[in-house]
C-alpha atoms as a PDB file:
ATOM      1  CA  UNK A   1       0.000   0.000   0.000  1.00  0.00           C
ATOM      2  CA  UNK A   2       1.356   3.416  -0.956  1.00  0.00           C
ATOM      3  CA  UNK A   3       1.656   5.949   1.849  1.00  0.00           C
ATOM      4  CA  UNK A   4      -1.172   8.247   0.687  1.00  0.00           C
ATOM      5  CA  UNK A   5      -3.498   5.674  -0.846  1.00  0.00           C
ATOM      6  CA  UNK A   6      -7.183   6.552  -0.261  1.00  0.00           C
ATOM      7  CA  UNK A   7      -6.321  10.239   0.227  1.00  0.00           C
ATOM      8  CA  UNK A   8      -8.409  12.373  -2.174  1.00  0.00           C
ATOM      9  CA  UNK A   9      -6.988  15.726  -3.255  1.00  0.00           C
ATOM     10  CA  UNK A  10      -8.914  18.438  -5.113  1.00  0.00           C
ATOM     11  CA  UNK A  11      -6.398  20.550  -7.033  1.00  0.00           C
ATOM     12  CA  UNK A  12      -7.671  23.966  -8.157  1.00  0.00           C
ATOM     13  CA  UNK A  13      -4.204  25.355  -8.888  1.00  0.00           C
ATOM     14  CA  UNK A  14      -2.654  26.221 -12.245  1.00  0.00           C
ATOM     15  CA  UNK A  15       0.899  26.286 -13.563  1.00  0.00           C
ATOM     16  CA  UNK A  16       3.954  24.961 -11.714  1.00  0.00           C
ATOM     17  CA  UNK A  17       3.991  25.250  -7.879  1.00  0.00           C
ATOM     18  CA  UNK A  18       0.659  23.584  -7.153  1.00  0.00           C
ATOM     19  CA  UNK A  19       1.056  21.014  -9.919  1.00  0.00           C
ATOM     20  CA  UNK A  20       4.437  19.862  -8.610  1.00  0.00           C
ATOM     21  CA  UNK A  21       3.113  19.673  -5.046  1.00  0.00           C
ATOM     22  CA  UNK A  22       0.138  17.525  -6.019  1.00  0.00           C
ATOM     23  CA  UNK A  23       2.347  15.416  -8.301  1.00  0.00           C
ATOM     24  CA  UNK A  24       4.321  14.387  -5.231  1.00  0.00           C
ATOM     25  CA  UNK A  25       1.044  13.426  -3.553  1.00  0.00           C
ATOM     26  CA  UNK A  26      -0.077  11.479  -6.638  1.00  0.00           C
ATOM     27  CA  UNK A  27       3.282   9.692  -6.786  1.00  0.00           C
ATOM     28  CA  UNK A  28       2.754   8.638  -3.173  1.00  0.00           C
ATOM     29  CA  UNK A  29      -0.649   7.144  -3.984  1.00  0.00           C
ATOM     30  CA  UNK A  30      -3.149   9.980  -3.487  1.00  0.00           C
ATOM     31  CA  UNK A  31      -6.012  10.416  -5.940  1.00  0.00           C
ATOM     32  CA  UNK A  32      -5.492  13.919  -7.321  1.00  0.00           C
ATOM     33  CA  UNK A  33      -8.453  15.479  -9.136  1.00  0.00           C
ATOM     34  CA  UNK A  34      -7.637  18.569 -11.181  1.00  0.00           C
ATOM     35  CA  UNK A  35     -10.487  21.100 -11.172  1.00  0.00           C
ATOM     36  CA  UNK A  36     -10.094  22.997 -14.447  1.00  0.00           C
ATOM     37  CA  UNK A  37     -12.046  25.945 -15.759  1.00  0.00           C
ATOM     38  CA  UNK A  38     -13.922  25.703 -19.054  1.00  0.00           C
ATOM     39  CA  UNK A  39     -12.028  26.670 -22.176  1.00  0.00           C
ATOM     40  CA  UNK A  40      -8.491  27.418 -21.027  1.00  0.00           C
ATOM     41  CA  UNK A  41      -8.226  24.744 -18.325  1.00  0.00           C
ATOM     42  CA  UNK A  42      -4.825  24.671 -16.662  1.00  0.00           C
ATOM     43  CA  UNK A  43      -2.620  27.281 -18.375  1.00  0.00           C
ATOM     44  CA  UNK A  44       0.236  24.777 -18.228  1.00  0.00           C
ATOM     45  CA  UNK A  45      -1.460  22.810 -21.015  1.00  0.00           C
ATOM     46  CA  UNK A  46      -0.325  25.515 -23.454  1.00  0.00           C
ATOM     47  CA  UNK A  47       3.300  25.238 -22.299  1.00  0.00           C
ATOM     48  CA  UNK A  48       5.784  22.405 -22.786  1.00  0.00           C
ATOM     49  CA  UNK A  49       4.107  19.015 -23.226  1.00  0.00           C
ATOM     50  CA  UNK A  50       7.002  17.436 -21.336  1.00  0.00           C
ATOM     51  CA  UNK A  51       6.538  19.803 -18.378  1.00  0.00           C
ATOM     52  CA  UNK A  52       2.807  19.099 -18.266  1.00  0.00           C
ATOM     53  CA  UNK A  53       3.369  15.359 -18.427  1.00  0.00           C
ATOM     54  CA  UNK A  54       5.983  15.465 -15.696  1.00  0.00           C
ATOM     55  CA  UNK A  55       3.756  17.475 -13.342  1.00  0.00           C
ATOM     56  CA  UNK A  56       0.349  15.885 -13.998  1.00  0.00           C
ATOM     57  CA  UNK A  57       1.011  12.177 -14.523  1.00  0.00           C
ATOM     58  CA  UNK A  58      -1.764   9.931 -13.281  1.00  0.00           C
ATOM     59  CA  UNK A  59      -4.040  12.721 -12.111  1.00  0.00           C
ATOM     60  CA  UNK A  60      -7.732  12.983 -12.959  1.00  0.00           C
ATOM     61  CA  UNK A  61      -9.393  16.023 -14.525  1.00  0.00           C
ATOM     62  CA  UNK A  62     -12.848  17.501 -14.346  1.00  0.00           C
ATOM     63  CA  UNK A  63     -13.919  20.744 -15.992  1.00  0.00           C
ATOM     64  CA  UNK A  64     -16.078  22.839 -13.682  1.00  0.00           C
ATOM     65  CA  UNK A  65     -17.400  26.375 -14.103  1.00  0.00           C
ATOM     66  CA  UNK A  66     -16.995  27.967 -10.674  1.00  0.00           C
ATOM     67  CA  UNK A  67     -18.515  31.230 -11.926  1.00  0.00           C
ATOM     68  CA  UNK A  68     -21.840  29.395 -12.111  1.00  0.00           C
ATOM     69  CA  UNK A  69     -23.593  28.834  -8.744  1.00  0.00           C
ATOM     70  CA  UNK A  70     -24.301  25.245  -9.755  1.00  0.00           C
ATOM     71  CA  UNK A  71     -20.581  24.710 -10.385  1.00  0.00           C
ATOM     72  CA  UNK A  72     -19.786  25.993  -6.913  1.00  0.00           C
ATOM     73  CA  UNK A  73     -22.361  23.633  -5.414  1.00  0.00           C
ATOM     74  CA  UNK A  74     -20.728  20.739  -7.245  1.00  0.00           C
ATOM     75  CA  UNK A  75     -17.358  21.678  -5.776  1.00  0.00           C
ATOM     76  CA  UNK A  76     -18.911  21.765  -2.325  1.00  0.00           C
ATOM     77  CA  UNK A  77     -20.316  18.278  -2.849  1.00  0.00           C
ATOM     78  CA  UNK A  78     -16.857  17.048  -3.861  1.00  0.00           C
ATOM     79  CA  UNK A  79     -15.255  18.781  -0.873  1.00  0.00           C
ATOM     80  CA  UNK A  80     -17.549  16.902   1.505  1.00  0.00           C
ATOM     81  CA  UNK A  81     -15.688  13.677   0.722  1.00  0.00           C
ATOM     82  CA  UNK A  82     -12.219  15.057   0.019  1.00  0.00           C
ATOM     83  CA  UNK A  83      -9.207  14.992   2.314  1.00  0.00           C
ATOM     84  CA  UNK A  84      -7.313  17.938   0.821  1.00  0.00           C
ATOM     85  CA  UNK A  85      -8.249  20.951  -1.291  1.00  0.00           C
ATOM     86  CA  UNK A  86      -5.505  23.173  -2.683  1.00  0.00           C
ATOM     87  CA  UNK A  87      -6.169  26.499  -4.379  1.00  0.00           C
ATOM     88  CA  UNK A  88      -3.819  29.119  -5.780  1.00  0.00           C
ATOM     89  CA  UNK A  89      -6.033  32.166  -6.233  1.00  0.00           C
ATOM     90  CA  UNK A  90      -5.286  35.625  -4.947  1.00  0.00           C
ATOM     91  CA  UNK A  91      -6.492  36.210  -1.382  1.00  0.00           C
ATOM     92  CA  UNK A  92     -10.201  36.998  -1.313  1.00  0.00           C
ATOM     93  CA  UNK A  93     -11.191  35.202  -4.518  1.00  0.00           C
ATOM     94  CA  UNK A  94     -12.395  31.993  -2.857  1.00  0.00           C
ATOM     95  CA  UNK A  95     -14.220  34.014  -0.213  1.00  0.00           C
ATOM     96  CA  UNK A  96     -16.112  35.941  -2.897  1.00  0.00           C
ATOM     97  CA  UNK A  97     -17.071  32.634  -4.503  1.00  0.00           C
ATOM     98  CA  UNK A  98     -18.349  31.281  -1.183  1.00  0.00           C
ATOM     99  CA  UNK A  99     -15.670  28.582  -1.295  1.00  0.00           C
ATOM    100  CA  UNK A 100     -13.276  29.785   1.402  1.00  0.00           C
ATOM    101  CA  UNK A 101     -11.931  27.628   4.194  1.00  0.00           C
ATOM    102  CA  UNK A 102     -14.660  28.415   6.717  1.00  0.00           C
ATOM    103  CA  UNK A 103     -17.418  27.623   4.192  1.00  0.00           C
ATOM    104  CA  UNK A 104     -15.981  24.248   3.222  1.00  0.00           C
ATOM    105  CA  UNK A 105     -14.788  23.330   6.713  1.00  0.00           C
ATOM    106  CA  UNK A 106     -18.409  23.680   7.855  1.00  0.00           C
ATOM    107  CA  UNK A 107     -19.255  20.916   5.372  1.00  0.00           C
ATOM    108  CA  UNK A 108     -16.276  18.698   6.127  1.00  0.00           C
ATOM    109  CA  UNK A 109     -14.372  19.234   9.347  1.00  0.00           C
ATOM    110  CA  UNK A 110     -11.691  16.756   8.244  1.00  0.00           C
ATOM    111  CA  UNK A 111     -10.823  18.828   5.172  1.00  0.00           C
ATOM    112  CA  UNK A 112      -7.290  20.184   4.880  1.00  0.00           C
ATOM    113  CA  UNK A 113      -7.614  23.422   2.908  1.00  0.00           C
ATOM    114  CA  UNK A 114      -4.420  24.793   1.354  1.00  0.00           C
ATOM    115  CA  UNK A 115      -4.026  28.328   0.021  1.00  0.00           C
ATOM    116  CA  UNK A 116      -0.879  28.627  -2.109  1.00  0.00           C
ATOM    117  CA  UNK A 117      -0.030  32.232  -3.002  1.00  0.00           C
ATOM    118  CA  UNK A 118       2.936  34.474  -3.646  1.00  0.00           C
ATOM    119  CA  UNK A 119       2.763  36.467  -0.423  1.00  0.00           C
ATOM    120  CA  UNK A 120       0.255  34.742   1.856  1.00  0.00           C
ATOM    121  CA  UNK A 121      -3.234  35.635   3.034  1.00  0.00           C
ATOM    122  CA  UNK A 122      -2.137  38.611   5.137  1.00  0.00           C
ATOM    123  CA  UNK A 123       0.733  41.069   5.023  1.00  0.00           C
ATOM    124  CA  UNK A 124       2.048  44.122   3.150  1.00  0.00           C
ATOM    125  CA  UNK A 125       2.489  42.319  -0.195  1.00  0.00           C
ATOM    126  CA  UNK A 126      -0.704  40.252  -0.206  1.00  0.00           C
ATOM    127  CA  UNK A 127      -2.251  41.929  -3.259  1.00  0.00           C
ATOM    128  CA  UNK A 128       0.918  42.080  -5.357  1.00  0.00           C
ATOM    129  CA  UNK A 129       1.048  40.093  -8.577  1.00  0.00           C
ATOM    130  CA  UNK A 130       4.239  38.127  -9.004  1.00  0.00           C
ATOM    131  CA  UNK A 131       6.219  35.195 -10.298  1.00  0.00           C
ATOM    132  CA  UNK A 132       9.236  33.201  -9.139  1.00  0.00           C
ATOM    133  CA  UNK A 133      11.666  36.041  -9.905  1.00  0.00           C
ATOM    134  CA  UNK A 134       9.653  38.499  -7.800  1.00  0.00           C
ATOM    135  CA  UNK A 135       9.426  36.232  -4.759  1.00  0.00           C
ATOM    136  CA  UNK A 136      13.176  35.605  -4.946  1.00  0.00           C
ATOM    137  CA  UNK A 137      13.805  39.345  -5.308  1.00  0.00           C
ATOM    138  CA  UNK A 138      11.740  40.461  -2.326  1.00  0.00           C
ATOM    139  CA  UNK A 139      12.899  37.434  -0.340  1.00  0.00           C
ATOM    140  CA  UNK A 140      16.586  38.343  -0.695  1.00  0.00           C
ATOM    141  CA  UNK A 141      17.666  35.219  -2.571  1.00  0.00           C
ATOM    142  CA  UNK A 142      18.088  36.929  -5.936  1.00  0.00           C
ATOM    143  CA  UNK A 143      20.580  39.423  -4.468  1.00  0.00           C
ATOM    144  CA  UNK A 144      22.948  36.520  -3.792  1.00  0.00           C
ATOM    145  CA  UNK A 145      23.016  35.556  -7.481  1.00  0.00           C
ATOM    146  CA  UNK A 146      23.088  38.920  -9.277  1.00  0.00           C
ATOM    147  CA  UNK A 147      23.384  39.568 -12.137  1.00  0.00           C
ATOM    148  CA  UNK A 148      22.427  35.970 -12.972  1.00  0.00           C
ATOM    149  CA  UNK A 149      18.848  34.708 -12.702  1.00  0.00           C
ATOM    150  CA  UNK A 150      18.914  31.118 -11.330  1.00  0.00           C
ATOM    151  CA  UNK A 151      18.098  28.527 -13.960  1.00  0.00           C
ATOM    152  CA  UNK A 152      15.563  26.728 -11.772  1.00  0.00           C
ATOM    153  CA  UNK A 153      12.425  28.134 -10.139  1.00  0.00           C
ATOM    154  CA  UNK A 154      13.606  28.299  -6.540  1.00  0.00           C
ATOM    155  CA  UNK A 155      10.663  30.217  -5.070  1.00  0.00           C
ATOM    156  CA  UNK A 156       8.054  28.262  -7.031  1.00  0.00           C
ATOM    157  CA  UNK A 157       9.418  24.823  -6.254  1.00  0.00           C
ATOM    158  CA  UNK A 158      11.179  25.137  -2.895  1.00  0.00           C
ATOM    159  CA  UNK A 159       9.226  28.045  -1.446  1.00  0.00           C
ATOM    160  CA  UNK A 160       5.935  26.853  -2.948  1.00  0.00           C
ATOM    161  CA  UNK A 161       5.722  23.169  -3.887  1.00  0.00           C
ATOM    162  CA  UNK A 162       7.885  21.777  -1.078  1.00  0.00           C
ATOM    163  CA  UNK A 163       6.313  23.990   1.586  1.00  0.00           C
ATOM    164  CA  UNK A 164       2.869  22.929   0.367  1.00  0.00           C
ATOM    165  CA  UNK A 165       3.685  19.230   0.593  1.00  0.00           C
ATOM    166  CA  UNK A 166       5.213  19.735   4.035  1.00  0.00           C
ATOM    167  CA  UNK A 167       2.143  21.622   5.227  1.00  0.00           C
ATOM    168  CA  UNK A 168      -0.231  18.954   3.918  1.00  0.00           C
ATOM    169  CA  UNK A 169       1.696  16.100   5.496  1.00  0.00           C
ATOM    170  CA  UNK A 170       1.868  17.899   8.846  1.00  0.00           C
ATOM    171  CA  UNK A 171      -1.865  18.622   8.651  1.00  0.00           C
ATOM    172  CA  UNK A 172      -2.580  14.958   7.906  1.00  0.00           C
ATOM    173  CA  UNK A 173      -0.565  13.961  10.982  1.00  0.00           C
ATOM    174  CA  UNK A 174      -2.455  16.511  13.094  1.00  0.00           C
ATOM    175  CA  UNK A 175      -5.788  15.294  11.713  1.00  0.00           C
ATOM    176  CA  UNK A 176      -4.905  11.739  12.680  1.00  0.00           C
ATOM    177  CA  UNK A 177      -4.481  12.990  16.240  1.00  0.00           C
ATOM    178  CA  UNK A 178      -7.408  15.450  16.467  1.00  0.00           C
ATOM    179  CA  UNK A 179      -9.821  14.283  13.794  1.00  0.00           C
ATOM    180  CA  UNK A 180     -10.008  17.772  12.293  1.00  0.00           C
ATOM    181  CA  UNK A 181      -8.496  19.440   9.250  1.00  0.00           C
ATOM    182  CA  UNK A 182      -7.023  22.927   9.137  1.00  0.00           C
ATOM    183  CA  UNK A 183      -6.170  25.843   6.872  1.00  0.00           C
ATOM    184  CA  UNK A 184      -2.606  25.716   5.492  1.00  0.00           C
ATOM    185  CA  UNK A 185      -1.442  29.162   4.330  1.00  0.00           C
ATOM    186  CA  UNK A 186       1.588  28.802   2.019  1.00  0.00           C
ATOM    187  CA  UNK A 187       3.480  31.924   0.953  1.00  0.00           C
ATOM    188  CA  UNK A 188       6.192  31.419  -1.662  1.00  0.00           C
ATOM    189  CA  UNK A 189       7.830  34.627  -0.409  1.00  0.00           C
ATOM    190  CA  UNK A 190       7.968  33.258   3.145  1.00  0.00           C
ATOM    191  CA  UNK A 191       9.161  29.916   1.842  1.00  0.00           C
ATOM    192  CA  UNK A 192      12.048  31.401  -0.091  1.00  0.00           C
ATOM    193  CA  UNK A 193      13.205  33.537   2.853  1.00  0.00           C
ATOM    194  CA  UNK A 194      13.594  30.316   4.841  1.00  0.00           C
ATOM    195  CA  UNK A 195      16.527  29.494   2.534  1.00  0.00           C
ATOM    196  CA  UNK A 196      18.548  32.397   3.950  1.00  0.00           C
ATOM    197  CA  UNK A 197      19.783  30.486   7.007  1.00  0.00           C
ATOM    198  CA  UNK A 198      23.490  31.089   6.373  1.00  0.00           C
ATOM    199  CA  UNK A 199      23.287  34.530   4.651  1.00  0.00           C
ATOM    200  CA  UNK A 200      21.144  35.941   7.472  1.00  0.00           C
ATOM    201  CA  UNK A 201      23.470  34.507  10.109  1.00  0.00           C
ATOM    202  CA  UNK A 202      26.464  35.939   8.230  1.00  0.00           C
ATOM    203  CA  UNK A 203      24.867  39.378   8.107  1.00  0.00           C
ATOM    204  CA  UNK A 204      23.864  39.362  11.776  1.00  0.00           C
ATOM    205  CA  UNK A 205      27.268  38.152  12.912  1.00  0.00           C
ATOM    206  CA  UNK A 206      29.408  40.450  10.776  1.00  0.00           C
ATOM    207  CA  UNK A 207      27.021  43.305   9.993  1.00  0.00           C
ATOM    208  CA  UNK A 208      28.060  43.139   6.325  1.00  0.00           C
ATOM    209  CA  UNK A 209      25.800  42.554   3.350  1.00  0.00           C
ATOM    210  CA  UNK A 210      26.522  39.122   1.815  1.00  0.00           C
ATOM    211  CA  UNK A 211      27.819  39.579  -1.739  1.00  0.00           C
ATOM    212  CA  UNK A 212      27.654  37.187  -4.707  1.00  0.00           C
ATOM    213  CA  UNK A 213      30.892  35.253  -5.037  1.00  0.00           C
ATOM    214  CA  UNK A 214      32.355  36.682  -1.826  1.00  0.00           C
ATOM    215  CA  UNK A 215      31.105  34.329   0.878  1.00  0.00           C
ATOM    216  CA  UNK A 216      32.476  31.015   2.130  1.00  0.00           C
ATOM    217  CA  UNK A 217      29.964  28.968   0.141  1.00  0.00           C
ATOM    218  CA  UNK A 218      29.759  31.221  -2.904  1.00  0.00           C
ATOM    219  CA  UNK A 219      33.327  31.303  -4.201  1.00  0.00           C
ATOM    220  CA  UNK A 220      35.397  33.293  -1.736  1.00  0.00           C
ATOM    221  CA  UNK A 221      37.856  30.465  -1.167  1.00  0.00           C
ATOM    222  CA  UNK A 222      39.712  28.154  -3.520  1.00  0.00           C
ATOM    223  CA  UNK A 223      38.506  25.109  -1.599  1.00  0.00           C
ATOM    224  CA  UNK A 224      34.855  25.736  -2.509  1.00  0.00           C
ATOM    225  CA  UNK A 225      34.782  26.957  -6.065  1.00  0.00           C
ATOM    226  CA  UNK A 226      34.409  26.090  -9.737  1.00  0.00           C
ATOM    227  CA  UNK A 227      37.260  25.723 -12.216  1.00  0.00           C
ATOM    228  CA  UNK A 228      37.475  25.444 -15.977  1.00  0.00           C
ATOM    229  CA  UNK A 229      39.254  22.381 -17.352  1.00  0.00           C
ATOM    230  CA  UNK A 230      41.283  22.013 -20.559  1.00  0.00           C
ATOM    231  CA  UNK A 231      38.223  21.100 -22.639  1.00  0.00           C
ATOM    232  CA  UNK A 232      36.185  24.137 -21.574  1.00  0.00           C
ATOM    233  CA  UNK A 233      34.069  22.080 -19.197  1.00  0.00           C
ATOM    234  CA  UNK A 234      33.870  22.932 -15.507  1.00  0.00           C
ATOM    235  CA  UNK A 235      34.710  21.198 -12.241  1.00  0.00           C
ATOM    236  CA  UNK A 236      33.083  21.816  -8.885  1.00  0.00           C
ATOM    237  CA  UNK A 237      35.356  21.644  -5.850  1.00  0.00           C
ATOM    238  CA  UNK A 238      33.700  21.276  -2.455  1.00  0.00           C
ATOM    239  CA  UNK A 239      36.754  20.528  -0.319  1.00  0.00           C
ATOM    240  CA  UNK A 240      35.497  22.616   2.577  1.00  0.00           C
ATOM    241  CA  UNK A 241      36.706  20.486   5.497  1.00  0.00           C
ATOM    242  CA  UNK A 242      40.485  20.692   6.071  1.00  0.00           C
ATOM    243  CA  UNK A 243      40.904  16.931   5.542  1.00  0.00           C
ATOM    244  CA  UNK A 244      39.272  17.191   2.103  1.00  0.00           C
ATOM    245  CA  UNK A 245      41.359  20.238   1.158  1.00  0.00           C
ATOM    246  CA  UNK A 246      44.533  18.515   2.265  1.00  0.00           C
ATOM    247  CA  UNK A 247      43.677  15.433   0.214  1.00  0.00           C
ATOM    248  CA  UNK A 248      42.948  17.569  -2.850  1.00  0.00           C
ATOM    249  CA  UNK A 249      46.251  19.406  -2.543  1.00  0.00           C
ATOM    250  CA  UNK A 250      48.132  16.130  -2.208  1.00  0.00           C
ATOM    251  CA  UNK A 251      46.417  14.672  -5.263  1.00  0.00           C
ATOM    252  CA  UNK A 252      47.195  17.828  -7.272  1.00  0.00           C
ATOM    253  CA  UNK A 253      50.822  17.877  -6.058  1.00  0.00           C
ATOM    254  CA  UNK A 254      50.499  21.296  -4.434  1.00  0.00           C
ATOM    255  CA  UNK A 255      50.923  20.391  -0.758  1.00  0.00           C
ATOM    256  CA  UNK A 256      52.310  23.849  -0.051  1.00  0.00           C
ATOM    257  CA  UNK A 257      48.738  25.202  -0.403  1.00  0.00           C
ATOM    258  CA  UNK A 258      47.372  23.071   2.455  1.00  0.00           C
ATOM    259  CA  UNK A 259      47.975  25.701   5.197  1.00  0.00           C
ATOM    260  CA  UNK A 260      46.596  28.469   2.940  1.00  0.00           C
ATOM    261  CA  UNK A 261      43.034  27.112   2.778  1.00  0.00           C
ATOM    262  CA  UNK A 262      41.439  30.143   4.445  1.00  0.00           C
ATOM    263  CA  UNK A 263      44.298  32.624   4.284  1.00  0.00           C
ATOM    264  CA  UNK A 264      43.758  36.006   2.633  1.00  0.00           C
ATOM    265  CA  UNK A 265      44.160  37.006  -0.088  1.00  0.00           C
ATOM    266  CA  UNK A 266      42.830  33.934  -1.874  1.00  0.00           C
ATOM    267  CA  UNK A 267      43.467  35.032  -5.461  1.00  0.00           C
ATOM    268  CA  UNK A 268      46.939  33.403  -5.672  1.00  0.00           C
ATOM    269  CA  UNK A 269      45.560  30.122  -4.281  1.00  0.00           C
ATOM    270  CA  UNK A 270      42.647  30.155  -6.728  1.00  0.00           C
ATOM    271  CA  UNK A 271      44.976  30.943  -9.626  1.00  0.00           C
ATOM    272  CA  UNK A 272      47.264  28.055  -8.752  1.00  0.00           C
ATOM    273  CA  UNK A 273      44.423  25.538  -8.527  1.00  0.00           C
ATOM    274  CA  UNK A 274      42.904  26.938 -11.724  1.00  0.00           C
ATOM    275  CA  UNK A 275      46.165  26.497 -13.633  1.00  0.00           C
ATOM    276  CA  UNK A 276      46.429  22.863 -12.538  1.00  0.00           C
ATOM    277  CA  UNK A 277      42.881  22.031 -13.604  1.00  0.00           C
ATOM    278  CA  UNK A 278      43.588  23.614 -17.000  1.00  0.00           C
ATOM    279  CA  UNK A 279      46.002  20.773 -17.825  1.00  0.00           C
ATOM    280  CA  UNK A 280      43.369  18.020 -18.314  1.00  0.00           C
ATOM    281  CA  UNK A 281      39.807  17.481 -19.416  1.00  0.00           C
ATOM    282  CA  UNK A 282      37.084  17.681 -16.781  1.00  0.00           C
ATOM    283  CA  UNK A 283      36.109  14.021 -16.967  1.00  0.00           C
ATOM    284  CA  UNK A 284      39.750  12.939 -16.871  1.00  0.00           C
ATOM    285  CA  UNK A 285      40.108  14.841 -13.611  1.00  0.00           C
ATOM    286  CA  UNK A 286      36.976  13.173 -12.283  1.00  0.00           C
ATOM    287  CA  UNK A 287      38.284   9.729 -13.192  1.00  0.00           C
ATOM    288  CA  UNK A 288      41.583  10.531 -11.493  1.00  0.00           C
ATOM    289  CA  UNK A 289      40.107  11.996  -8.285  1.00  0.00           C
ATOM    290  CA  UNK A 290      36.857  10.131  -7.720  1.00  0.00           C
ATOM    291  CA  UNK A 291      38.519   7.412  -5.626  1.00  0.00           C
ATOM    292  CA  UNK A 292      39.692   9.940  -3.018  1.00  0.00           C
ATOM    293  CA  UNK A 293      37.918  12.165  -0.513  1.00  0.00           C
ATOM    294  CA  UNK A 294      38.533  15.518  -2.151  1.00  0.00           C
ATOM    295  CA  UNK A 295      34.980  16.399  -3.285  1.00  0.00           C
ATOM    296  CA  UNK A 296      35.613  17.110  -6.969  1.00  0.00           C
ATOM    297  CA  UNK A 297      32.868  16.511  -9.535  1.00  0.00           C
ATOM    298  CA  UNK A 298      32.259  17.614 -13.116  1.00  0.00           C
ATOM    299  CA  UNK A 299      29.551  20.189 -13.774  1.00  0.00           C
ATOM    300  CA  UNK A 300      27.088  18.214 -15.844  1.00  0.00           C
ATOM    301  CA  UNK A 301      24.707  19.677 -18.376  1.00  0.00           C
ATOM    302  CA  UNK A 302      20.971  19.051 -18.307  1.00  0.00           C
ATOM    303  CA  UNK A 303      21.295  16.742 -21.316  1.00  0.00           C
ATOM    304  CA  UNK A 304      23.871  14.645 -19.477  1.00  0.00           C
ATOM    305  CA  UNK A 305      21.624  14.306 -16.437  1.00  0.00           C
ATOM    306  CA  UNK A 306      18.687  13.444 -18.711  1.00  0.00           C
ATOM    307  CA  UNK A 307      20.698  10.542 -20.130  1.00  0.00           C
ATOM    308  CA  UNK A 308      20.975   9.090 -16.612  1.00  0.00           C
ATOM    309  CA  UNK A 309      17.444   9.958 -15.583  1.00  0.00           C
ATOM    310  CA  UNK A 310      15.179   9.038 -18.516  1.00  0.00           C
ATOM    311  CA  UNK A 311      11.713  10.505 -18.691  1.00  0.00           C
ATOM    312  CA  UNK A 312       9.276   8.854 -16.321  1.00  0.00           C
ATOM    313  CA  UNK A 313       7.201   6.028 -17.767  1.00  0.00           C
ATOM    314  CA  UNK A 314       4.265   6.623 -15.454  1.00  0.00           C
ATOM    315  CA  UNK A 315       0.640   7.105 -16.407  1.00  0.00           C
ATOM    316  CA  UNK A 316      -0.186   9.935 -18.822  1.00  0.00           C
ATOM    317  CA  UNK A 317      -1.661  13.269 -17.716  1.00  0.00           C
ATOM    318  CA  UNK A 318      -5.426  13.590 -18.092  1.00  0.00           C
ATOM    319  CA  UNK A 319      -7.239  15.257 -20.962  1.00  0.00           C
ATOM    320  CA  UNK A 320      -9.379  18.237 -19.866  1.00  0.00           C
ATOM    321  CA  UNK A 321     -12.546  16.890 -18.269  1.00  0.00           C
ATOM    322  CA  UNK A 322     -11.569  13.272 -18.918  1.00  0.00           C
ATOM    323  CA  UNK A 323     -12.903  12.159 -15.540  1.00  0.00           C
ATOM    324  CA  UNK A 324     -15.808  14.563 -15.020  1.00  0.00           C
ATOM    325  CA  UNK A 325     -18.531  11.932 -15.374  1.00  0.00           C
ATOM    326  CA  UNK A 326     -16.624   9.391 -13.277  1.00  0.00           C
ATOM    327  CA  UNK A 327     -15.964  11.754 -10.385  1.00  0.00           C
ATOM    328  CA  UNK A 328     -19.472  13.213 -10.338  1.00  0.00           C
ATOM    329  CA  UNK A 329     -21.107   9.779 -10.571  1.00  0.00           C
ATOM    330  CA  UNK A 330     -19.124   8.698  -7.557  1.00  0.00           C
ATOM    331  CA  UNK A 331     -20.414  11.757  -5.707  1.00  0.00           C
ATOM    332  CA  UNK A 332     -24.039  10.783  -6.341  1.00  0.00           C
ATOM    333  CA  UNK A 333     -24.898  12.625  -9.550  1.00  0.00           C
ATOM    334  CA  UNK A 334     -27.177  10.722 -11.924  1.00  0.00           C
ATOM    335  CA  UNK A 335     -26.085  10.259 -15.534  1.00  0.00           C
ATOM    336  CA  UNK A 336     -29.020  12.324 -16.805  1.00  0.00           C
ATOM    337  CA  UNK A 337     -28.064  15.135 -14.408  1.00  0.00           C
ATOM    338  CA  UNK A 338     -24.456  15.030 -15.585  1.00  0.00           C
ATOM    339  CA  UNK A 339     -25.532  15.241 -19.235  1.00  0.00           C
ATOM    340  CA  UNK A 340     -27.780  18.210 -18.474  1.00  0.00           C
ATOM    341  CA  UNK A 341     -24.999  20.028 -16.614  1.00  0.00           C
ATOM    342  CA  UNK A 342     -22.726  19.463 -19.611  1.00  0.00           C
ATOM    343  CA  UNK A 343     -25.370  20.820 -21.969  1.00  0.00           C
ATOM    344  CA  UNK A 344     -25.685  23.943 -19.832  1.00  0.00           C
ATOM    345  CA  UNK A 345     -21.898  24.531 -19.703  1.00  0.00           C
ATOM    346  CA  UNK A 346     -21.560  23.999 -15.969  1.00  0.00           C
ATOM    347  CA  UNK A 347     -19.224  21.047 -16.502  1.00  0.00           C
ATOM    348  CA  UNK A 348     -17.381  19.556 -19.450  1.00  0.00           C
END
């Protein structure tokens, strides 16, 4: 039995953060039912087919018009038997629809209701529109990477998806103890600021603004840095502990650098290590050093990782409304009623 088997999740979110969160739940056995709006459905359907497949595999889909009072009543009937509902609307939208936490909790006190937004349900930025780059910017993470924009969606996935999954799992544990669900308020801005453990501590200890490339774990020292090899590929060196640095220096025949691991200035040490790595190809260095504890690895490209991690062979993502009749029948709707609701545009 999978860990979340028999858990029913209603997913009203669109795009990446909510989809990735509920994909984790689906992978762990939950039944995830996408609630899509008529016409456009989930905006992610118009993006990369591979992204949509990877974030919606094995889910079910119903098309439901929540602007119609009858559509809202259908959602309420589904919420009565659901374990989790996750929505990603701006604060106030679900309340105006009569579908907020208090309304649905009154129908199902075991319901875990998740609101996934950029800045949370309350606070100075609540009404701001935004995307991953904005949450990282206001949350301080982007300042540590300037002028480069990170190539993965840190706020969306770590601040949003992971925090959502964590909140749901904690709420399920609490429900097991108390018998009641709760409202989980996920802010991607709050989630991304939680990544600042070391930069915030550095600032509070030293009173200096952390700068890109100038901190212990961002390139200040030769022992924790990246180096270009003879073939133009890059190597990552993470020899942070003295024993790892000493081993690296011995393997590179530069033992005289061992006592200079954290000495200033570091430029001569970096230059010396860089010149050594320039003498061979990146993968030759990896083959030579991988049997020792010196923490040197090649910087792989996405295509190289893809060759080791082939695309998942799981179930396909659902077509829009593929499971509308199935889900509604299970909730007590007669076939004739379902056909009439389709004819009237309430469902599809």
